[in-house]
């Protein structure tokens, strides 16, 4: 039985957090796969053979890690955050500034999401390929950008919900809130 007074998170917020966690672990798996691929490539080259697909696959894996793993980093407060002035504000003012930062971040993410979907549609409809010796279709790598932006947007919505709850709930008035040790202690960039 829980003794906390924190409001129960809606199913949507818990779902966003769960998807973000899965994507974070998938990103970690991609880093491991990229590492193995690079080691394989180095070994093959050392034996005097040429490589065809290894470098390109590694780049695509790292693109996945960057964009899809970004929401995981955001959820856990791992993004660069300059809060020298914001940290000195009273709690309620800090939460308002963080909500403004969330809104601005969401606006930028939505622009990149729309442009990313447009780029992905062109690549898919026109059958774009990489042009390398391996020459894979670019549909999958180009889908990573809008996917990552959608995940970031969802995670920012979860952050916004937490900030609003902190501002209006007893936790917000009592001085305890999202960045006082609770799970989901991410801070929006400011």
N, C-alpha and C. Protein backbone atom coordinates (compact mmCIF):
# COMPACT_ATOMS: atom_id res chain seq x y z
N UNK A 1 0.84 -1.17 0.00
CA UNK A 1 0.00 0.00 0.00
C UNK A 1 0.89 1.24 0.00
N UNK A 2 0.59 2.16 -0.87
CA UNK A 2 1.39 3.36 -1.03
C UNK A 2 0.94 4.44 -0.05
N UNK A 3 1.92 5.11 0.56
CA UNK A 3 1.61 6.19 1.49
C UNK A 3 1.83 7.55 0.85
N UNK A 4 2.16 7.58 -0.43
CA UNK A 4 2.44 8.83 -1.09
C UNK A 4 1.14 9.58 -1.42
N UNK A 5 1.24 10.89 -1.49
CA UNK A 5 0.07 11.70 -1.83
C UNK A 5 0.12 12.11 -3.30
N UNK A 6 1.07 11.59 -4.05
CA UNK A 6 1.18 11.93 -5.46
C UNK A 6 -0.03 11.42 -6.22
N UNK A 7 -0.55 12.20 -7.16
CA UNK A 7 -1.70 11.73 -7.94
C UNK A 7 -1.30 10.56 -8.82
N UNK A 8 -2.22 9.65 -9.00
CA UNK A 8 -1.97 8.51 -9.88
C UNK A 8 -1.91 9.03 -11.31
N UNK A 9 -0.90 8.59 -12.02
CA UNK A 9 -0.74 9.05 -13.39
C UNK A 9 -1.79 8.38 -14.28
N UNK A 10 -2.34 9.13 -15.22
CA UNK A 10 -3.31 8.54 -16.16
C UNK A 10 -2.65 7.44 -16.98
N UNK A 11 -3.47 6.56 -17.48
CA UNK A 11 -2.99 5.43 -18.28
C UNK A 11 -2.17 5.92 -19.47
N UNK A 12 -2.59 7.02 -20.10
CA UNK A 12 -1.86 7.55 -21.26
C UNK A 12 -0.44 7.93 -20.87
N UNK A 13 -0.26 8.60 -19.76
CA UNK A 13 1.08 9.01 -19.31
C UNK A 13 1.92 7.78 -18.99
N UNK A 14 1.33 6.81 -18.31
CA UNK A 14 2.07 5.57 -18.03
C UNK A 14 2.44 4.86 -19.32
N UNK A 15 1.54 4.89 -20.30
CA UNK A 15 1.83 4.26 -21.60
C UNK A 15 2.97 4.95 -22.32
N UNK A 16 2.96 6.28 -22.31
CA UNK A 16 4.04 7.05 -22.93
C UNK A 16 5.37 6.69 -22.27
N UNK A 17 5.37 6.65 -20.95
CA UNK A 17 6.60 6.31 -20.22
C UNK A 17 7.06 4.89 -20.55
N UNK A 18 6.13 3.96 -20.68
CA UNK A 18 6.50 2.57 -21.00
C UNK A 18 7.11 2.47 -22.39
N UNK A 19 6.48 3.13 -23.37
CA UNK A 19 7.02 3.12 -24.73
C UNK A 19 8.40 3.77 -24.75
N UNK A 20 8.55 4.86 -24.01
CA UNK A 20 9.84 5.55 -23.94
C UNK A 20 10.91 4.63 -23.36
N UNK A 21 10.57 3.89 -22.32
CA UNK A 21 11.53 2.96 -21.72
C UNK A 21 11.94 1.88 -22.73
N UNK A 22 10.96 1.30 -23.42
CA UNK A 22 11.26 0.26 -24.42
C UNK A 22 12.18 0.82 -25.49
N UNK A 23 11.88 2.02 -25.97
CA UNK A 23 12.72 2.65 -27.01
C UNK A 23 14.13 2.94 -26.49
N UNK A 24 14.23 3.28 -25.22
CA UNK A 24 15.55 3.49 -24.63
C UNK A 24 16.37 2.22 -24.62
N UNK A 25 15.73 1.12 -24.26
CA UNK A 25 16.44 -0.17 -24.26
C UNK A 25 16.76 -0.63 -25.67
N UNK A 26 15.86 -0.37 -26.63
CA UNK A 26 16.16 -0.69 -28.03
C UNK A 26 17.35 0.13 -28.52
N UNK A 27 17.43 1.37 -28.08
CA UNK A 27 18.57 2.21 -28.46
C UNK A 27 19.87 1.65 -27.89
N UNK A 28 19.81 1.17 -26.66
CA UNK A 28 20.99 0.54 -26.08
C UNK A 28 21.41 -0.71 -26.85
N UNK A 29 20.42 -1.47 -27.29
CA UNK A 29 20.70 -2.66 -28.10
C UNK A 29 21.33 -2.26 -29.44
N UNK A 30 20.86 -1.15 -30.01
CA UNK A 30 21.44 -0.66 -31.27
C UNK A 30 22.89 -0.21 -31.08
N UNK A 31 23.18 0.37 -29.93
CA UNK A 31 24.58 0.75 -29.66
C UNK A 31 25.45 -0.50 -29.60
N UNK A 32 24.95 -1.53 -28.93
CA UNK A 32 25.71 -2.78 -28.86
C UNK A 32 25.90 -3.39 -30.25
N UNK A 33 24.84 -3.39 -31.05
CA UNK A 33 24.93 -3.93 -32.40
C UNK A 33 25.88 -3.11 -33.26
N UNK A 34 25.86 -1.80 -33.12
CA UNK A 34 26.79 -0.94 -33.86
C UNK A 34 28.23 -1.25 -33.45
N UNK A 35 28.45 -1.48 -32.17
CA UNK A 35 29.80 -1.81 -31.68
C UNK A 35 30.29 -3.13 -32.29
N UNK A 36 29.43 -4.13 -32.28
CA UNK A 36 29.79 -5.44 -32.86
C UNK A 36 30.07 -5.28 -34.36
N UNK A 37 29.25 -4.49 -35.03
CA UNK A 37 29.43 -4.28 -36.47
C UNK A 37 30.76 -3.59 -36.76
N UNK A 38 31.11 -2.59 -35.96
CA UNK A 38 32.40 -1.91 -36.16
C UNK A 38 33.56 -2.86 -35.91
N UNK A 39 33.47 -3.66 -34.85
CA UNK A 39 34.53 -4.63 -34.56
C UNK A 39 34.67 -5.64 -35.71
N UNK A 40 33.55 -6.08 -36.24
CA UNK A 40 33.57 -7.00 -37.37
C UNK A 40 34.24 -6.34 -38.58
N UNK A 41 33.88 -5.09 -38.83
CA UNK A 41 34.44 -4.36 -39.96
C UNK A 41 35.95 -4.20 -39.82
N UNK A 42 36.40 -3.85 -38.64
CA UNK A 42 37.84 -3.69 -38.40
C UNK A 42 38.56 -5.01 -38.62
N UNK A 43 37.97 -6.09 -38.13
CA UNK A 43 38.59 -7.42 -38.29
C UNK A 43 38.67 -7.80 -39.76
N UNK A 44 37.60 -7.59 -40.50
CA UNK A 44 37.56 -7.93 -41.92
C UNK A 44 38.61 -7.12 -42.69
N UNK A 45 38.71 -5.84 -42.37
CA UNK A 45 39.71 -5.00 -43.05
C UNK A 45 41.12 -5.43 -42.70
N UNK A 46 41.34 -5.82 -41.44
CA UNK A 46 42.67 -6.27 -41.02
C UNK A 46 43.08 -7.54 -41.76
N UNK A 47 42.10 -8.32 -42.15
CA UNK A 47 42.38 -9.55 -42.90
C UNK A 47 42.54 -9.29 -44.40
N UNK A 48 42.38 -8.02 -44.79
CA UNK A 48 42.60 -7.65 -46.19
C UNK A 48 41.36 -7.65 -47.06
N UNK A 49 40.21 -7.80 -46.49
CA UNK A 49 38.97 -7.79 -47.27
C UNK A 49 38.33 -6.41 -47.20
N UNK A 50 37.51 -6.14 -48.20
CA UNK A 50 36.81 -4.86 -48.18
C UNK A 50 35.46 -5.02 -47.48
N UNK A 51 34.96 -3.90 -47.02
CA UNK A 51 33.65 -3.92 -46.36
C UNK A 51 32.66 -3.17 -47.26
N UNK A 52 31.41 -3.57 -47.19
CA UNK A 52 30.40 -2.97 -48.05
C UNK A 52 29.31 -2.31 -47.21
N UNK A 53 28.76 -3.00 -46.26
CA UNK A 53 27.55 -2.56 -45.56
C UNK A 53 27.79 -2.09 -44.12
N UNK A 54 28.93 -2.40 -43.56
CA UNK A 54 29.14 -2.18 -42.13
C UNK A 54 29.07 -0.72 -41.71
N UNK A 55 29.76 0.15 -42.41
CA UNK A 55 29.77 1.56 -42.02
C UNK A 55 28.38 2.17 -42.14
N UNK A 56 27.71 1.87 -43.25
CA UNK A 56 26.38 2.43 -43.46
C UNK A 56 25.38 1.92 -42.42
N UNK A 57 25.44 0.63 -42.11
CA UNK A 57 24.54 0.09 -41.09
C UNK A 57 24.82 0.74 -39.74
N UNK A 58 26.08 0.93 -39.41
CA UNK A 58 26.44 1.58 -38.15
C UNK A 58 25.88 2.99 -38.08
N UNK A 59 25.96 3.73 -39.17
CA UNK A 59 25.41 5.09 -39.21
C UNK A 59 23.90 5.04 -38.98
N UNK A 60 23.20 4.12 -39.64
CA UNK A 60 21.75 4.02 -39.47
C UNK A 60 21.39 3.63 -38.04
N UNK A 61 22.16 2.74 -37.44
CA UNK A 61 21.89 2.36 -36.05
C UNK A 61 22.08 3.56 -35.11
N UNK A 62 23.12 4.34 -35.36
CA UNK A 62 23.37 5.50 -34.50
C UNK A 62 22.35 6.61 -34.72
N UNK A 63 21.81 6.70 -35.92
CA UNK A 63 20.71 7.63 -36.16
C UNK A 63 19.50 7.21 -35.33
N UNK A 64 19.22 5.91 -35.30
CA UNK A 64 18.12 5.39 -34.48
C UNK A 64 18.35 5.74 -33.01
N UNK A 65 19.56 5.50 -32.54
CA UNK A 65 19.89 5.79 -31.14
C UNK A 65 19.68 7.27 -30.83
N UNK A 66 20.11 8.13 -31.72
CA UNK A 66 20.00 9.57 -31.51
C UNK A 66 18.55 10.03 -31.44
N UNK A 67 17.76 9.65 -32.42
CA UNK A 67 16.41 10.19 -32.50
C UNK A 67 15.41 9.42 -31.65
N UNK A 68 15.43 8.12 -31.72
CA UNK A 68 14.46 7.33 -30.96
C UNK A 68 14.85 7.28 -29.48
N UNK A 69 16.14 7.26 -29.21
CA UNK A 69 16.60 7.26 -27.82
C UNK A 69 16.51 8.61 -27.14
N UNK A 70 16.25 9.66 -27.91
CA UNK A 70 16.16 11.00 -27.35
C UNK A 70 15.05 11.14 -26.31
N UNK A 71 13.93 10.48 -26.55
CA UNK A 71 12.81 10.56 -25.59
C UNK A 71 13.20 9.91 -24.26
N UNK A 72 13.97 8.84 -24.32
CA UNK A 72 14.44 8.17 -23.11
C UNK A 72 15.33 9.12 -22.30
N UNK A 73 16.24 9.79 -23.00
CA UNK A 73 17.10 10.76 -22.32
C UNK A 73 16.31 11.91 -21.72
N UNK A 74 15.29 12.36 -22.45
CA UNK A 74 14.44 13.44 -21.94
C UNK A 74 13.69 13.00 -20.69
N UNK A 75 13.12 11.80 -20.73
CA UNK A 75 12.36 11.29 -19.58
C UNK A 75 13.22 11.22 -18.32
N UNK A 76 14.48 10.88 -18.49
CA UNK A 76 15.38 10.70 -17.35
C UNK A 76 16.24 11.93 -17.06
N UNK A 77 15.92 13.06 -17.70
CA UNK A 77 16.64 14.30 -17.41
C UNK A 77 18.07 14.31 -17.88
N UNK A 78 18.38 13.57 -18.95
CA UNK A 78 19.75 13.45 -19.42
C UNK A 78 20.12 14.45 -20.51
N UNK A 79 19.18 15.27 -20.95
CA UNK A 79 19.49 16.26 -21.98
C UNK A 79 20.20 17.45 -21.34
N UNK A 80 20.95 18.16 -22.14
CA UNK A 80 21.64 19.34 -21.66
C UNK A 80 20.59 20.34 -21.18
N UNK A 81 20.84 20.91 -20.02
CA UNK A 81 19.86 21.78 -19.40
C UNK A 81 20.59 22.93 -18.72
N UNK A 82 20.39 24.14 -19.22
CA UNK A 82 20.99 25.32 -18.62
C UNK A 82 19.93 25.96 -17.73
N UNK A 83 20.08 25.78 -16.44
CA UNK A 83 19.04 26.25 -15.52
C UNK A 83 19.59 27.15 -14.41
N UNK A 84 20.66 27.84 -14.70
CA UNK A 84 21.29 28.69 -13.70
C UNK A 84 20.30 29.70 -13.12
N UNK A 85 19.55 30.36 -13.98
CA UNK A 85 18.58 31.35 -13.50
C UNK A 85 17.28 30.69 -13.06
N UNK A 86 16.83 29.70 -13.82
CA UNK A 86 15.55 29.05 -13.53
C UNK A 86 15.58 28.36 -12.17
N UNK A 87 16.70 27.78 -11.82
CA UNK A 87 16.82 27.08 -10.54
C UNK A 87 16.67 28.03 -9.34
N UNK A 88 16.91 29.30 -9.55
CA UNK A 88 16.81 30.29 -8.46
C UNK A 88 15.40 30.85 -8.29
N UNK A 89 14.52 30.53 -9.22
CA UNK A 89 13.15 31.03 -9.14
C UNK A 89 12.36 30.28 -8.06
N UNK A 90 11.32 30.92 -7.54
CA UNK A 90 10.42 30.19 -6.64
C UNK A 90 9.80 29.01 -7.40
N UNK A 91 9.38 28.01 -6.67
CA UNK A 91 8.89 26.77 -7.25
C UNK A 91 7.83 26.98 -8.33
N UNK A 92 6.81 27.75 -8.05
CA UNK A 92 5.72 27.95 -9.01
C UNK A 92 6.23 28.66 -10.27
N UNK A 93 7.05 29.68 -10.12
CA UNK A 93 7.61 30.39 -11.27
C UNK A 93 8.50 29.46 -12.09
N UNK A 94 9.26 28.59 -11.42
CA UNK A 94 10.11 27.63 -12.13
C UNK A 94 9.26 26.68 -12.96
N UNK A 95 8.16 26.21 -12.38
CA UNK A 95 7.28 25.30 -13.11
C UNK A 95 6.66 26.00 -14.33
N UNK A 96 6.30 27.27 -14.19
CA UNK A 96 5.75 28.03 -15.32
C UNK A 96 6.80 28.16 -16.42
N UNK A 97 8.03 28.50 -16.05
CA UNK A 97 9.11 28.63 -17.04
C UNK A 97 9.35 27.28 -17.72
N UNK A 98 9.31 26.20 -16.95
CA UNK A 98 9.50 24.88 -17.54
C UNK A 98 8.37 24.54 -18.50
N UNK A 99 7.14 24.93 -18.18
CA UNK A 99 6.02 24.71 -19.10
C UNK A 99 6.19 25.53 -20.38
N UNK A 100 6.69 26.73 -20.27
CA UNK A 100 6.95 27.54 -21.47
C UNK A 100 8.03 26.85 -22.32
N UNK A 101 9.07 26.34 -21.68
CA UNK A 101 10.12 25.62 -22.40
C UNK A 101 9.56 24.38 -23.09
N UNK A 102 8.65 23.68 -22.41
CA UNK A 102 8.00 22.51 -23.02
C UNK A 102 7.21 22.94 -24.26
N UNK A 103 6.46 24.02 -24.15
CA UNK A 103 5.66 24.50 -25.29
C UNK A 103 6.54 24.88 -26.48
N UNK A 104 7.63 25.58 -26.21
CA UNK A 104 8.55 25.97 -27.28
C UNK A 104 9.21 24.74 -27.90
N UNK A 105 9.61 23.81 -27.06
CA UNK A 105 10.22 22.57 -27.55
C UNK A 105 9.24 21.79 -28.40
N UNK A 106 8.00 21.69 -27.95
CA UNK A 106 6.97 20.99 -28.72
C UNK A 106 6.76 21.65 -30.08
N UNK A 107 6.76 22.96 -30.13
CA UNK A 107 6.58 23.66 -31.40
C UNK A 107 7.69 23.28 -32.38
N UNK A 108 8.93 23.31 -31.92
CA UNK A 108 10.06 22.94 -32.77
C UNK A 108 9.97 21.47 -33.20
N UNK A 109 9.65 20.60 -32.26
CA UNK A 109 9.55 19.17 -32.56
C UNK A 109 8.46 18.90 -33.59
N UNK A 110 7.34 19.59 -33.49
CA UNK A 110 6.26 19.39 -34.45
C UNK A 110 6.66 19.83 -35.85
N UNK A 111 7.42 20.91 -35.97
CA UNK A 111 7.91 21.35 -37.28
C UNK A 111 8.83 20.28 -37.87
N UNK A 112 9.76 19.78 -37.07
CA UNK A 112 10.69 18.75 -37.55
C UNK A 112 9.92 17.46 -37.88
N UNK A 113 8.92 17.14 -37.08
CA UNK A 113 8.09 15.95 -37.33
C UNK A 113 7.40 16.05 -38.69
N UNK A 114 6.77 17.19 -38.96
CA UNK A 114 6.07 17.37 -40.24
C UNK A 114 7.05 17.29 -41.41
N UNK A 115 8.17 17.97 -41.28
CA UNK A 115 9.18 17.91 -42.36
C UNK A 115 9.76 16.50 -42.50
N UNK A 116 9.94 15.81 -41.39
CA UNK A 116 10.46 14.44 -41.44
C UNK A 116 9.49 13.49 -42.11
N UNK A 117 8.21 13.64 -41.84
CA UNK A 117 7.21 12.80 -42.50
C UNK A 117 7.21 13.08 -43.99
N UNK A 118 7.31 14.36 -44.37
CA UNK A 118 7.36 14.73 -45.78
C UNK A 118 8.57 14.08 -46.47
N UNK A 119 9.73 14.16 -45.83
CA UNK A 119 10.95 13.56 -46.39
C UNK A 119 10.79 12.05 -46.50
N UNK A 120 10.23 11.42 -45.48
CA UNK A 120 10.03 9.98 -45.49
C UNK A 120 9.07 9.57 -46.62
N UNK A 121 7.98 10.33 -46.79
CA UNK A 121 7.03 10.02 -47.85
C UNK A 121 7.68 10.10 -49.23
N UNK A 122 8.49 11.14 -49.45
CA UNK A 122 9.19 11.26 -50.73
C UNK A 122 10.13 10.08 -50.94
N UNK A 123 10.88 9.73 -49.91
CA UNK A 123 11.82 8.60 -50.04
C UNK A 123 11.09 7.30 -50.33
N UNK A 124 9.95 7.12 -49.71
CA UNK A 124 9.18 5.89 -49.89
C UNK A 124 8.51 5.85 -51.25
N UNK A 125 7.83 6.93 -51.62
CA UNK A 125 7.08 6.97 -52.88
C UNK A 125 8.01 6.92 -54.10
N UNK A 126 9.17 7.52 -53.98
CA UNK A 126 10.07 7.59 -55.12
C UNK A 126 11.13 6.49 -55.09
N UNK A 127 11.09 5.62 -54.08
CA UNK A 127 12.01 4.49 -54.01
C UNK A 127 13.47 4.87 -53.84
N UNK A 128 13.71 5.92 -53.05
CA UNK A 128 15.09 6.36 -52.84
C UNK A 128 15.92 5.24 -52.23
N UNK A 129 17.15 5.16 -52.71
CA UNK A 129 18.12 4.21 -52.18
C UNK A 129 19.38 4.98 -51.82
N UNK A 130 20.24 4.36 -51.04
CA UNK A 130 21.40 5.09 -50.52
C UNK A 130 22.44 5.42 -51.57
N UNK A 131 22.54 4.63 -52.62
CA UNK A 131 23.53 4.88 -53.65
C UNK A 131 24.90 4.28 -53.35
N UNK A 132 25.03 3.62 -52.23
CA UNK A 132 26.30 2.99 -51.88
C UNK A 132 26.39 1.61 -52.55
N UNK A 133 27.47 0.90 -52.33
CA UNK A 133 27.61 -0.46 -52.86
C UNK A 133 26.55 -1.38 -52.26
N UNK A 134 26.18 -1.15 -51.01
CA UNK A 134 25.13 -1.95 -50.35
C UNK A 134 23.76 -1.53 -50.89
N UNK A 135 23.53 -0.24 -51.02
CA UNK A 135 22.36 0.38 -51.65
C UNK A 135 21.01 -0.01 -51.04
N UNK A 136 20.86 0.09 -49.71
CA UNK A 136 19.55 -0.24 -49.13
C UNK A 136 18.54 0.86 -49.41
N UNK A 137 17.25 0.51 -49.38
CA UNK A 137 16.22 1.56 -49.53
C UNK A 137 16.27 2.50 -48.32
N UNK A 138 15.97 3.76 -48.54
CA UNK A 138 16.05 4.76 -47.48
C UNK A 138 14.75 4.93 -46.70
N UNK A 139 13.76 4.14 -47.01
CA UNK A 139 12.47 4.23 -46.32
C UNK A 139 12.63 4.06 -44.81
N UNK A 140 13.34 3.03 -44.40
CA UNK A 140 13.48 2.75 -42.96
C UNK A 140 14.34 3.80 -42.27
N UNK A 141 15.54 4.12 -42.78
CA UNK A 141 16.30 5.16 -42.08
C UNK A 141 15.59 6.51 -42.02
N UNK A 142 14.85 6.86 -43.07
CA UNK A 142 14.14 8.13 -43.07
C UNK A 142 12.92 8.13 -42.16
N UNK A 143 12.43 6.97 -41.81
CA UNK A 143 11.30 6.89 -40.88
C UNK A 143 11.73 7.15 -39.45
N UNK A 144 13.01 7.04 -39.18
CA UNK A 144 13.51 7.20 -37.81
C UNK A 144 13.33 8.63 -37.31
N UNK A 145 13.53 9.62 -38.15
CA UNK A 145 13.39 11.01 -37.72
C UNK A 145 11.96 11.33 -37.25
N UNK A 146 10.92 11.08 -38.07
CA UNK A 146 9.59 11.37 -37.56
C UNK A 146 9.19 10.49 -36.36
N UNK A 147 9.66 9.26 -36.33
CA UNK A 147 9.38 8.40 -35.18
C UNK A 147 9.98 9.00 -33.91
N UNK A 148 11.23 9.41 -34.00
CA UNK A 148 11.90 10.02 -32.85
C UNK A 148 11.24 11.31 -32.41
N UNK A 149 10.82 12.12 -33.36
CA UNK A 149 10.15 13.38 -33.02
C UNK A 149 8.80 13.12 -32.37
N UNK A 150 8.08 12.11 -32.86
CA UNK A 150 6.79 11.76 -32.25
C UNK A 150 6.99 11.29 -30.81
N UNK A 151 8.02 10.49 -30.58
CA UNK A 151 8.31 10.02 -29.22
C UNK A 151 8.70 11.19 -28.31
N UNK A 152 9.51 12.11 -28.82
CA UNK A 152 9.88 13.29 -28.03
C UNK A 152 8.65 14.12 -27.71
N UNK A 153 7.77 14.31 -28.70
CA UNK A 153 6.56 15.10 -28.48
C UNK A 153 5.70 14.45 -27.39
N UNK A 154 5.55 13.14 -27.45
CA UNK A 154 4.76 12.45 -26.43
C UNK A 154 5.40 12.59 -25.05
N UNK A 155 6.72 12.49 -24.99
CA UNK A 155 7.39 12.61 -23.69
C UNK A 155 7.26 14.03 -23.16
N UNK A 156 7.31 15.02 -24.04
CA UNK A 156 7.09 16.40 -23.59
C UNK A 156 5.67 16.60 -23.08
N UNK A 157 4.71 15.93 -23.69
CA UNK A 157 3.33 16.01 -23.18
C UNK A 157 3.24 15.41 -21.78
N UNK A 158 3.96 14.31 -21.55
CA UNK A 158 3.99 13.71 -20.22
C UNK A 158 4.65 14.67 -19.22
N UNK A 159 5.70 15.35 -19.64
CA UNK A 159 6.36 16.33 -18.77
C UNK A 159 5.40 17.47 -18.46
N UNK A 160 4.69 17.95 -19.48
CA UNK A 160 3.74 19.03 -19.27
C UNK A 160 2.67 18.62 -18.25
N UNK A 161 2.16 17.40 -18.38
CA UNK A 161 1.15 16.92 -17.43
C UNK A 161 1.72 16.93 -16.01
N UNK A 162 2.95 16.46 -15.86
CA UNK A 162 3.56 16.42 -14.52
C UNK A 162 3.76 17.83 -13.95
N UNK A 163 4.16 18.77 -14.80
CA UNK A 163 4.37 20.13 -14.32
C UNK A 163 3.04 20.76 -13.91
N UNK A 164 2.01 20.53 -14.71
CA UNK A 164 0.69 21.09 -14.38
C UNK A 164 0.18 20.46 -13.09
N UNK A 165 0.34 19.16 -12.93
CA UNK A 165 -0.08 18.50 -11.69
C UNK A 165 0.71 19.04 -10.50
N UNK A 166 1.99 19.29 -10.70
CA UNK A 166 2.81 19.83 -9.61
C UNK A 166 2.35 21.24 -9.22
N UNK A 167 1.89 22.00 -10.21
CA UNK A 167 1.44 23.36 -9.93
C UNK A 167 0.09 23.40 -9.22
N UNK A 168 -0.80 22.49 -9.56
CA UNK A 168 -2.15 22.59 -9.00
C UNK A 168 -2.44 21.61 -7.88
N UNK A 169 -1.63 20.58 -7.73
CA UNK A 169 -1.88 19.58 -6.70
C UNK A 169 -1.25 19.93 -5.38
N UNK A 170 -1.57 19.15 -4.34
CA UNK A 170 -0.98 19.41 -3.02
C UNK A 170 0.53 19.28 -3.04
N UNK A 171 1.07 18.42 -3.92
CA UNK A 171 2.52 18.28 -3.99
C UNK A 171 3.16 19.58 -4.47
N UNK A 172 2.52 20.26 -5.41
CA UNK A 172 3.06 21.52 -5.92
C UNK A 172 3.03 22.62 -4.87
N UNK A 173 1.98 22.65 -4.05
CA UNK A 173 1.88 23.68 -3.01
C UNK A 173 2.76 23.38 -1.81
N UNK A 174 3.02 22.09 -1.57
CA UNK A 174 3.78 21.71 -0.39
C UNK A 174 5.29 21.76 -0.62
N UNK A 175 5.71 22.05 -1.86
CA UNK A 175 7.14 22.13 -2.11
C UNK A 175 7.74 20.82 -2.57
N UNK A 176 6.95 19.75 -2.66
CA UNK A 176 7.46 18.48 -3.16
C UNK A 176 6.89 18.29 -4.54
N UNK A 177 7.73 17.86 -5.46
CA UNK A 177 7.22 17.71 -6.81
C UNK A 177 8.13 16.90 -7.70
N UNK A 178 7.98 17.06 -9.01
CA UNK A 178 8.63 16.21 -9.97
C UNK A 178 10.14 16.16 -9.88
N UNK A 179 10.79 17.21 -9.43
CA UNK A 179 12.24 17.12 -9.37
C UNK A 179 12.75 17.09 -7.94
N UNK A 180 11.94 16.57 -7.04
CA UNK A 180 12.39 16.38 -5.66
C UNK A 180 12.50 14.89 -5.33
N UNK A 181 12.95 14.10 -6.31
CA UNK A 181 13.19 12.69 -6.05
C UNK A 181 12.12 11.77 -6.57
N UNK A 182 11.05 12.27 -7.19
CA UNK A 182 10.03 11.40 -7.74
C UNK A 182 10.51 10.78 -9.04
N UNK A 183 9.89 9.64 -9.40
CA UNK A 183 10.18 9.07 -10.70
C UNK A 183 9.65 10.04 -11.73
N UNK A 184 10.33 10.09 -12.88
CA UNK A 184 9.92 11.04 -13.91
C UNK A 184 10.42 12.42 -13.58
N UNK A 185 11.64 12.50 -13.04
CA UNK A 185 12.17 13.78 -12.57
C UNK A 185 12.86 14.55 -13.67
N UNK A 186 12.39 14.38 -14.88
CA UNK A 186 12.98 15.09 -16.00
C UNK A 186 12.69 16.58 -15.88
N UNK A 187 13.56 17.34 -16.47
CA UNK A 187 13.39 18.79 -16.48
C UNK A 187 13.44 19.22 -17.93
N UNK A 188 12.47 19.98 -18.36
CA UNK A 188 12.46 20.46 -19.73
C UNK A 188 13.61 21.44 -19.91
N UNK A 189 14.21 21.46 -21.11
CA UNK A 189 15.31 22.39 -21.34
C UNK A 189 14.84 23.82 -21.19
N UNK A 190 15.70 24.62 -20.63
CA UNK A 190 15.34 26.03 -20.44
C UNK A 190 16.48 26.93 -20.84
